[in-house]
N, C-alpha and C. Protein backbone atom coordinates (compact mmCIF):
# COMPACT_ATOMS: atom_id res chain seq x y z
N MET A 1 -38.11 13.44 -13.01
CA MET A 1 -38.44 13.39 -14.35
C MET A 1 -38.67 14.61 -15.16
N LYS A 2 -38.46 14.96 -16.27
CA LYS A 2 -38.30 15.89 -16.78
C LYS A 2 -39.40 16.36 -17.23
N ILE A 3 -40.49 16.20 -17.62
CA ILE A 3 -41.70 15.93 -18.03
C ILE A 3 -42.28 17.33 -16.93
N ALA A 4 -42.35 17.08 -15.52
CA ALA A 4 -43.35 17.77 -14.51
C ALA A 4 -42.08 19.19 -14.39
N THR A 5 -41.09 18.79 -14.38
CA THR A 5 -40.10 20.20 -14.35
C THR A 5 -40.74 21.55 -16.01
N SER A 6 -40.96 20.28 -16.81
CA SER A 6 -41.02 21.13 -17.77
C SER A 6 -42.67 22.11 -17.77
N ILE A 7 -43.02 21.41 -17.17
CA ILE A 7 -45.17 21.75 -16.70
C ILE A 7 -44.38 22.99 -15.63
N VAL A 8 -44.33 22.72 -15.11
CA VAL A 8 -43.68 23.52 -13.93
C VAL A 8 -43.15 24.89 -14.40
N GLY A 9 -42.13 24.68 -15.42
CA GLY A 9 -41.70 25.93 -15.79
C GLY A 9 -42.70 25.99 -16.93
N LEU A 10 -43.35 25.89 -17.47
CA LEU A 10 -44.12 26.52 -18.85
C LEU A 10 -45.51 27.24 -17.85
N LEU A 11 -45.64 26.52 -16.80
CA LEU A 11 -46.86 28.01 -16.20
C LEU A 11 -46.09 29.31 -15.38
N ALA A 12 -45.01 28.66 -14.79
CA ALA A 12 -44.31 29.64 -14.44
C ALA A 12 -43.77 30.79 -16.13
N CYS A 13 -43.59 30.47 -16.75
CA CYS A 13 -43.25 31.16 -17.92
C CYS A 13 -44.56 31.71 -18.20
N MET A 14 -45.49 31.37 -18.66
CA MET A 14 -46.87 31.93 -19.13
C MET A 14 -48.04 32.45 -18.19
N CYS A 15 -47.50 32.96 -17.17
CA CYS A 15 -47.81 33.70 -15.98
C CYS A 15 -47.89 35.26 -16.32
N ALA A 16 -48.93 35.46 -15.98
CA ALA A 16 -48.77 36.60 -16.37
C ALA A 16 -50.73 37.61 -15.43
N THR A 17 -50.35 38.77 -15.54
CA THR A 17 -51.36 39.59 -15.01
C THR A 17 -52.48 40.00 -15.88
N SER A 18 -53.64 39.85 -16.25
CA SER A 18 -54.45 41.00 -17.59
C SER A 18 -55.27 42.05 -16.63
N GLY A 19 -54.56 42.26 -15.81
CA GLY A 19 -55.44 43.98 -15.52
C GLY A 19 -55.88 44.26 -13.80
N ALA A 20 -55.83 45.12 -13.69
CA ALA A 20 -55.98 45.34 -12.04
C ALA A 20 -57.88 44.72 -11.72
N ASP A 21 -58.54 44.50 -12.41
CA ASP A 21 -59.85 44.01 -12.01
C ASP A 21 -60.27 42.76 -12.30
N LYS A 22 -59.14 42.22 -12.80
CA LYS A 22 -59.26 40.68 -12.94
C LYS A 22 -57.80 39.72 -12.04
N PRO A 23 -58.23 38.39 -11.59
CA PRO A 23 -57.43 38.07 -10.85
C PRO A 23 -55.91 37.85 -11.38
N ALA A 24 -54.91 38.20 -10.47
CA ALA A 24 -53.79 37.31 -11.57
C ALA A 24 -53.35 35.92 -11.23
N ILE A 25 -52.19 35.50 -12.96
CA ILE A 25 -52.37 34.08 -12.54
C ILE A 25 -50.94 34.37 -12.41
N ALA A 26 -50.50 33.51 -11.52
CA ALA A 26 -49.63 33.96 -10.80
C ALA A 26 -48.66 32.15 -10.11
N CYS A 27 -47.56 31.88 -10.89
CA CYS A 27 -47.55 29.85 -9.92
C CYS A 27 -45.75 31.02 -9.17
N ASN A 28 -45.70 29.63 -8.34
CA ASN A 28 -44.35 30.15 -7.29
C ASN A 28 -44.22 28.56 -7.20
N THR A 29 -43.09 28.35 -8.50
CA THR A 29 -42.35 27.34 -8.43
C THR A 29 -41.40 26.70 -8.05
N LYS A 30 -40.76 27.75 -6.93
CA LYS A 30 -40.19 27.16 -4.83
C LYS A 30 -41.16 27.19 -4.17
N ALA A 31 -42.61 26.90 -4.63
CA ALA A 31 -43.11 26.38 -3.43
C ALA A 31 -43.38 25.27 -2.78
N ILE A 32 -42.53 24.01 -4.71
CA ILE A 32 -42.60 22.95 -3.82
C ILE A 32 -41.42 22.90 -3.81
N SER A 33 -40.97 22.49 -2.57
CA SER A 33 -39.43 22.15 -1.52
C SER A 33 -38.94 20.83 -2.84
N ALA A 34 -37.19 21.14 -2.58
CA ALA A 34 -36.89 20.68 -3.10
C ALA A 34 -37.15 18.90 -2.66
N ALA A 35 -37.12 18.93 -1.65
CA ALA A 35 -37.51 17.51 -0.77
C ALA A 35 -38.62 16.82 -1.77
N GLU A 36 -39.55 17.68 -1.70
CA GLU A 36 -41.07 17.12 -2.16
C GLU A 36 -41.07 17.47 -4.03
N ARG A 37 -39.54 17.77 -4.74
CA ARG A 37 -39.60 17.87 -6.09
C ARG A 37 -39.98 16.40 -6.71
N PRO A 38 -38.88 15.62 -6.33
CA PRO A 38 -39.18 13.79 -7.01
C PRO A 38 -40.37 13.66 -6.88
N ARG A 39 -41.38 13.33 -6.18
CA ARG A 39 -42.53 12.77 -5.72
C ARG A 39 -43.57 13.80 -6.74
N TYR A 40 -43.43 15.10 -6.49
CA TYR A 40 -44.43 15.89 -7.54
C TYR A 40 -44.40 14.89 -9.27
N ASN A 41 -43.02 15.02 -9.51
CA ASN A 41 -42.54 14.80 -10.51
C ASN A 41 -42.98 13.28 -10.89
N ASP A 42 -43.27 12.61 -10.10
CA ASP A 42 -43.51 11.16 -10.16
C ASP A 42 -45.17 11.03 -10.13
N LEU A 43 -45.83 12.15 -9.52
CA LEU A 43 -47.43 12.32 -9.30
C LEU A 43 -47.36 13.07 -11.01
N VAL A 44 -46.51 13.72 -10.98
CA VAL A 44 -46.79 14.89 -12.55
C VAL A 44 -47.37 13.35 -13.53
N GLY A 45 -46.13 12.34 -13.78
CA GLY A 45 -45.95 11.65 -14.88
C GLY A 45 -47.13 11.12 -14.39
N LYS A 46 -47.35 10.49 -13.48
CA LYS A 46 -48.43 9.23 -13.28
C LYS A 46 -49.99 10.04 -13.88
N LEU A 47 -50.17 11.55 -13.69
CA LEU A 47 -51.17 11.97 -14.26
C LEU A 47 -51.36 12.46 -15.45
N ARG A 48 -50.76 12.22 -16.02
CA ARG A 48 -50.29 12.74 -17.62
C ARG A 48 -50.57 11.58 -18.19
N ARG A 49 -49.85 10.25 -18.02
CA ARG A 49 -49.86 8.82 -18.41
C ARG A 49 -51.86 8.15 -18.32
N SER A 50 -52.56 8.68 -17.13
CA SER A 50 -53.50 8.42 -16.72
C SER A 50 -54.88 8.53 -17.65
N ILE A 51 -54.46 10.05 -18.09
CA ILE A 51 -55.35 10.62 -19.28
C ILE A 51 -56.04 10.05 -19.92
N ARG A 52 -57.20 9.70 -20.43
CA ARG A 52 -57.85 8.95 -21.29
C ARG A 52 -58.60 9.83 -22.26
N TYR A 53 -59.22 10.81 -22.02
CA TYR A 53 -60.00 11.47 -22.91
C TYR A 53 -59.84 13.19 -22.12
N ARG A 54 -59.75 14.33 -23.08
CA ARG A 54 -59.75 15.85 -22.32
C ARG A 54 -61.39 16.37 -22.90
N ARG A 55 -61.95 16.78 -22.35
CA ARG A 55 -63.00 17.89 -22.86
C ARG A 55 -62.93 19.31 -22.57
N GLU A 56 -62.79 20.17 -23.49
CA GLU A 56 -62.33 21.21 -23.46
C GLU A 56 -64.06 22.17 -22.89
N LEU A 57 -63.23 23.01 -22.01
CA LEU A 57 -64.46 24.27 -21.34
C LEU A 57 -63.96 25.36 -22.00
N PRO A 58 -65.76 26.41 -21.14
CA PRO A 58 -64.86 27.37 -21.45
C PRO A 58 -63.61 27.87 -20.65
N ASP A 59 -63.76 27.95 -19.60
CA ASP A 59 -62.42 28.41 -18.59
C ASP A 59 -61.60 27.14 -18.05
N GLY A 60 -61.76 26.16 -18.75
CA GLY A 60 -60.32 25.06 -18.52
C GLY A 60 -60.62 23.79 -19.28
N TYR A 61 -60.58 22.83 -18.77
CA TYR A 61 -60.59 21.12 -19.28
C TYR A 61 -61.27 20.40 -18.22
N THR A 62 -61.91 19.58 -18.66
CA THR A 62 -62.14 18.01 -17.87
C THR A 62 -61.18 16.78 -18.65
N PHE A 63 -60.64 16.21 -17.83
CA PHE A 63 -59.89 15.13 -17.94
C PHE A 63 -60.82 14.05 -17.33
N ARG A 64 -61.08 12.63 -18.25
CA ARG A 64 -61.33 11.44 -17.76
C ARG A 64 -59.63 10.82 -17.70
N LEU A 65 -59.86 10.14 -16.07
CA LEU A 65 -58.88 9.83 -15.85
C LEU A 65 -58.58 7.96 -15.58
N ASN A 66 -57.93 7.25 -15.76
CA ASN A 66 -57.75 5.56 -15.67
C ASN A 66 -57.55 5.58 -14.34
N GLU A 67 -57.82 5.52 -13.05
CA GLU A 67 -57.76 5.43 -12.08
C GLU A 67 -56.86 3.88 -11.19
N GLN A 68 -57.39 2.99 -12.33
CA GLN A 68 -55.88 1.86 -12.47
C GLN A 68 -54.23 2.50 -12.38
N SER A 69 -54.44 4.10 -13.38
CA SER A 69 -53.50 4.83 -13.43
C SER A 69 -52.83 5.62 -12.77
N ILE A 70 -53.51 6.56 -12.19
CA ILE A 70 -53.27 7.06 -10.84
C ILE A 70 -54.75 6.66 -9.83
N GLY A 71 -54.72 6.62 -8.53
CA GLY A 71 -55.17 6.86 -7.87
C GLY A 71 -55.54 7.38 -6.85
N LEU A 72 -57.29 7.52 -6.57
CA LEU A 72 -57.65 8.69 -5.92
C LEU A 72 -56.14 9.57 -4.90
N THR A 73 -56.16 9.09 -4.26
CA THR A 73 -54.51 9.31 -3.06
C THR A 73 -53.50 9.96 -3.72
N ASP A 74 -52.44 9.23 -5.13
CA ASP A 74 -52.26 10.34 -5.88
C ASP A 74 -52.14 11.37 -6.23
N LEU A 75 -53.70 11.37 -6.57
CA LEU A 75 -54.21 12.00 -7.36
C LEU A 75 -54.37 13.93 -6.60
N THR A 76 -55.03 13.46 -4.83
CA THR A 76 -55.29 14.24 -4.08
C THR A 76 -53.73 14.75 -3.24
N GLU A 77 -52.82 13.91 -3.91
CA GLU A 77 -51.18 14.25 -3.17
C GLU A 77 -50.68 15.43 -4.14
N TRP A 78 -51.03 15.17 -5.93
CA TRP A 78 -50.74 16.40 -6.87
C TRP A 78 -51.56 17.33 -6.77
N ILE A 79 -52.76 17.13 -6.21
CA ILE A 79 -53.27 18.44 -6.07
C ILE A 79 -53.13 19.75 -5.13
N ARG A 80 -52.61 18.75 -3.92
CA ARG A 80 -52.02 19.29 -2.76
C ARG A 80 -51.11 20.58 -3.03
N MET A 81 -49.98 19.58 -3.70
CA MET A 81 -48.91 20.34 -4.16
C MET A 81 -48.92 20.82 -5.05
N GLU A 82 -50.04 21.32 -6.42
CA GLU A 82 -49.71 21.86 -7.28
C GLU A 82 -51.03 23.34 -6.94
N ARG A 83 -51.58 23.10 -5.36
CA ARG A 83 -52.39 24.32 -5.49
C ARG A 83 -51.49 25.56 -4.84
N VAL A 84 -50.43 24.75 -4.26
CA VAL A 84 -49.43 25.75 -3.20
C VAL A 84 -48.80 26.55 -4.72
N CYS A 85 -48.22 25.69 -5.22
CA CYS A 85 -47.18 26.59 -6.60
C CYS A 85 -48.08 27.22 -7.31
N CYS A 86 -49.47 26.70 -7.86
CA CYS A 86 -50.48 27.42 -8.95
C CYS A 86 -51.73 27.46 -8.13
N PRO A 87 -51.92 28.49 -6.71
CA PRO A 87 -53.18 28.95 -6.01
C PRO A 87 -54.61 29.25 -7.08
N PHE A 88 -54.07 29.72 -8.40
CA PHE A 88 -55.50 30.42 -9.27
C PHE A 88 -56.04 29.24 -9.94
N LEU A 89 -55.73 28.44 -9.71
CA LEU A 89 -56.40 26.74 -10.18
C LEU A 89 -58.04 26.58 -9.85
N VAL A 90 -58.80 26.16 -10.47
CA VAL A 90 -59.72 25.34 -9.40
C VAL A 90 -60.02 24.16 -9.84
N PHE A 91 -60.44 23.37 -8.89
CA PHE A 91 -59.76 21.74 -9.29
C PHE A 91 -60.96 20.87 -8.55
N GLN A 92 -61.45 20.33 -9.18
CA GLN A 92 -62.67 19.67 -9.22
C GLN A 92 -62.60 17.95 -9.45
N ILE A 93 -62.69 16.53 -8.77
CA ILE A 93 -62.65 15.55 -8.90
C ILE A 93 -64.09 15.11 -8.44
N GLU A 94 -64.55 14.11 -10.06
CA GLU A 94 -65.69 13.48 -9.66
C GLU A 94 -65.62 11.79 -10.18
N VAL A 95 -66.30 11.30 -8.76
CA VAL A 95 -65.91 9.95 -8.58
C VAL A 95 -67.86 9.71 -9.17
N SER A 96 -67.69 8.46 -9.97
CA SER A 96 -69.56 7.58 -10.05
C SER A 96 -69.54 5.85 -10.25
N GLY A 97 -70.21 5.67 -8.82
CA GLY A 97 -70.22 4.57 -8.49
C GLY A 97 -68.96 3.41 -8.81
N SER A 98 -68.86 2.65 -9.52
CA SER A 98 -67.67 1.87 -9.48
C SER A 98 -67.11 2.06 -10.56
N ASN A 99 -66.92 2.82 -11.44
CA ASN A 99 -66.39 2.73 -12.61
C ASN A 99 -64.98 3.29 -12.12
N GLN A 100 -63.71 2.63 -13.30
CA GLN A 100 -62.83 3.11 -12.64
C GLN A 100 -62.01 4.34 -13.32
N ASN A 101 -63.37 5.07 -13.76
CA ASN A 101 -62.51 6.54 -14.51
C ASN A 101 -63.22 7.38 -13.11
N VAL A 102 -62.19 8.25 -13.18
CA VAL A 102 -62.11 9.60 -12.72
C VAL A 102 -62.52 10.85 -13.38
N GLN A 103 -63.01 11.83 -13.45
CA GLN A 103 -62.68 12.90 -13.61
C GLN A 103 -61.87 14.02 -12.88
N LEU A 104 -61.12 14.55 -13.53
CA LEU A 104 -60.66 15.70 -13.06
C LEU A 104 -60.99 17.39 -13.29
N THR A 105 -61.40 18.19 -13.47
CA THR A 105 -61.51 18.99 -13.71
C THR A 105 -60.50 20.12 -13.45
N LEU A 106 -60.02 21.46 -14.43
CA LEU A 106 -59.16 22.08 -13.70
C LEU A 106 -59.43 23.77 -14.54
N ARG A 107 -60.41 24.62 -13.83
CA ARG A 107 -60.63 25.76 -14.26
C ARG A 107 -59.70 27.16 -13.67
N GLY A 108 -59.90 28.22 -14.34
CA GLY A 108 -59.20 29.25 -13.72
C GLY A 108 -59.69 30.44 -14.41
N PRO A 109 -59.19 31.44 -14.01
CA PRO A 109 -59.71 33.13 -14.25
C PRO A 109 -58.99 33.00 -15.58
N SER A 110 -59.44 33.77 -16.79
CA SER A 110 -58.74 33.87 -18.00
C SER A 110 -57.53 33.72 -18.48
N GLY A 111 -56.72 33.33 -19.13
CA GLY A 111 -55.70 33.01 -19.71
C GLY A 111 -55.35 31.36 -18.68
N THR A 112 -55.97 31.17 -18.17
CA THR A 112 -55.92 29.73 -17.04
C THR A 112 -56.23 28.41 -18.29
N LYS A 113 -56.99 28.57 -19.08
CA LYS A 113 -57.05 27.99 -20.16
C LYS A 113 -55.99 27.24 -21.06
N ALA A 114 -55.49 28.01 -21.48
CA ALA A 114 -54.25 27.86 -22.18
C ALA A 114 -52.84 27.70 -21.48
N ILE A 115 -52.82 27.70 -20.94
CA ILE A 115 -51.76 26.96 -19.34
C ILE A 115 -52.11 25.46 -20.19
N ILE A 116 -53.45 25.57 -19.42
CA ILE A 116 -53.48 23.93 -19.06
C ILE A 116 -53.45 23.40 -19.78
N GLU A 117 -53.78 23.87 -21.44
CA GLU A 117 -53.08 22.90 -22.58
C GLU A 117 -51.86 22.60 -22.69
N SER A 118 -51.25 23.92 -22.44
CA SER A 118 -50.21 23.65 -23.28
C SER A 118 -49.26 22.55 -22.16
N ALA A 119 -49.93 22.84 -20.60
CA ALA A 119 -48.54 22.13 -19.81
C ALA A 119 -49.97 20.14 -19.66
N PHE A 120 -51.01 20.21 -20.54
CA PHE A 120 -51.45 18.58 -20.78
C PHE A 120 -51.96 18.50 -22.10
N GLN A 121 -51.20 18.36 -23.09
CA GLN A 121 -51.12 18.52 -24.64
C GLN A 121 -50.97 17.04 -24.74
N PRO A 122 -52.23 16.79 -25.44
CA PRO A 122 -52.15 15.25 -25.88
C PRO A 122 -50.59 14.40 -26.61
């Protein structure tokens, strides 16, 4: 699936170091093995299709996801892979009661918000 590949490429292209006093934003696009890449692409597609709402934060975004479209197991598997590729991201999952919506928050140091916005445009 080209969507996931383009997201990883976009993250890699937009990575930058904002100075010695701030953490570097660096993606390792080869951190996800060739064997895992098809599964990663599938998970990115599920994640993008499941986004129902996004809320802007000062340092990232919160996405409301439809759990019918991406289950918690798939979501945590995507996070496991994404953490290896983009270790500067901070992930937070919020699940409340029996509601079928899950919230995923992605945050990071300065510059991260623009990367997230570009990767997950509505």
